[in-house]
Amino acid sequence: MAEKRAPFRAAHLAHAREAAAKGDLLIGGAFEDMEHGMMLFRSSAAAEEFGMNDPYVLNELVPHFGIRMLSAAAGSFHEELS
């Protein structure tokens, strides 16, 4: 995966940093296997917008971009999101 993503990594990270600067992306990254990752967005609309324009998704490095809602019950983001 490291080799496949190399041509798109700078654009993907710029896209993620832009989403974070707007307050849409709270945290994101790849898991140790480098085949899977997770991103936590402020809203499903923000996640959908990100995915539709993400270089990894557009260039089919991410075979499945799914959105699932999380009901935050505790943690530092809980108060921010409720």
Protein backbone atom coordinates (compact mmCIF):
# COMPACT_ATOMS: atom_id res chain seq x y z
CA MET A 1 0.00 0.00 0.00
CA ALA A 2 2.87 2.37 0.77
CA GLU A 3 3.98 2.21 -2.87
CA LYS A 4 0.46 2.51 -4.29
CA ARG A 5 -0.37 5.57 -2.23
CA ALA A 6 2.90 7.44 -2.83
CA PRO A 7 1.73 9.41 -5.91
CA PHE A 8 -1.43 10.55 -4.10
CA ARG A 9 -0.21 10.94 -0.51
CA ALA A 10 0.62 14.65 -0.59
CA ALA A 11 -2.77 15.50 -2.12
CA HIS A 12 -4.59 13.22 0.34
CA LEU A 13 -2.83 14.77 3.33
CA ALA A 14 -3.51 18.30 2.04
CA HIS A 15 -7.18 17.38 1.63
CA ALA A 16 -7.27 15.97 5.19
CA ARG A 17 -5.50 19.01 6.64
CA GLU A 18 -7.95 21.31 4.89
CA ALA A 19 -10.88 19.37 6.36
CA ALA A 20 -9.26 19.55 9.81
CA ALA A 21 -8.63 23.30 9.48
CA LYS A 22 -12.34 23.80 8.66
CA GLY A 23 -13.21 21.80 11.78
CA ASP A 24 -14.82 18.97 9.78
CA LEU A 25 -12.17 16.31 10.42
CA LEU A 26 -11.48 15.62 14.09
CA ILE A 27 -8.88 12.84 13.71
CA GLY A 28 -7.84 10.31 11.11
CA GLY A 29 -5.14 7.91 10.07
CA ALA A 30 -4.16 4.45 8.90
CA PHE A 31 -4.05 1.35 11.05
CA GLU A 32 -0.77 -0.56 11.41
CA ASP A 33 -1.56 -2.85 8.48
CA MET A 34 -1.66 0.23 6.19
CA GLU A 35 -4.60 -1.42 4.41
CA HIS A 36 -7.28 0.17 6.58
CA GLY A 37 -7.85 3.52 8.18
CA MET A 38 -10.42 5.52 10.06
CA MET A 39 -11.40 9.16 10.12
CA LEU A 40 -13.73 10.84 12.59
CA PHE A 41 -15.72 13.72 11.14
CA ARG A 42 -17.98 16.25 12.82
CA SER A 43 -20.93 15.19 10.60
CA SER A 44 -21.90 12.61 8.01
CA ALA A 45 -22.20 15.41 5.44
CA ALA A 46 -18.57 16.40 6.07
CA ALA A 47 -17.48 12.76 5.76
CA GLU A 48 -19.37 12.34 2.50
CA GLU A 49 -17.93 15.54 1.04
CA PHE A 50 -14.43 14.45 2.04
CA GLY A 51 -14.81 11.01 0.49
CA MET A 52 -16.21 12.30 -2.78
CA ASN A 53 -13.11 14.48 -3.24
CA ASP A 54 -10.36 12.42 -1.60
CA PRO A 55 -7.48 11.48 -3.93
CA TYR A 56 -7.23 8.01 -2.35
CA VAL A 57 -10.92 7.34 -3.05
CA LEU A 58 -10.89 8.93 -6.52
CA ASN A 59 -7.87 6.85 -7.55
CA GLU A 60 -9.38 3.64 -6.13
CA LEU A 61 -6.81 3.11 -3.39
CA VAL A 62 -9.75 2.96 -1.00
CA PRO A 63 -12.03 0.21 -2.33
CA HIS A 64 -14.79 0.98 0.17
CA PHE A 65 -15.47 4.35 1.77
CA GLY A 66 -18.24 3.85 4.30
CA ILE A 67 -19.86 6.24 6.71
CA ARG A 68 -21.13 5.08 10.09
CA MET A 69 -22.58 7.23 12.83
CA LEU A 70 -21.02 7.12 16.30
CA SER A 71 -22.97 7.94 19.43
CA ALA A 72 -20.28 9.50 21.59
CA ALA A 73 -20.79 8.74 25.27
CA ALA A 74 -17.48 9.83 26.78
CA GLY A 75 -14.13 11.33 25.96
CA SER A 76 -12.74 14.70 25.00
CA PHE A 77 -14.91 15.01 21.89
CA HIS A 78 -18.16 14.14 23.69
CA GLU A 79 -18.82 17.61 25.08
CA GLU A 80 -17.82 19.23 21.77
CA LEU A 81 -20.23 17.09 19.76
CA SER A 82 -23.25 17.14 22.07
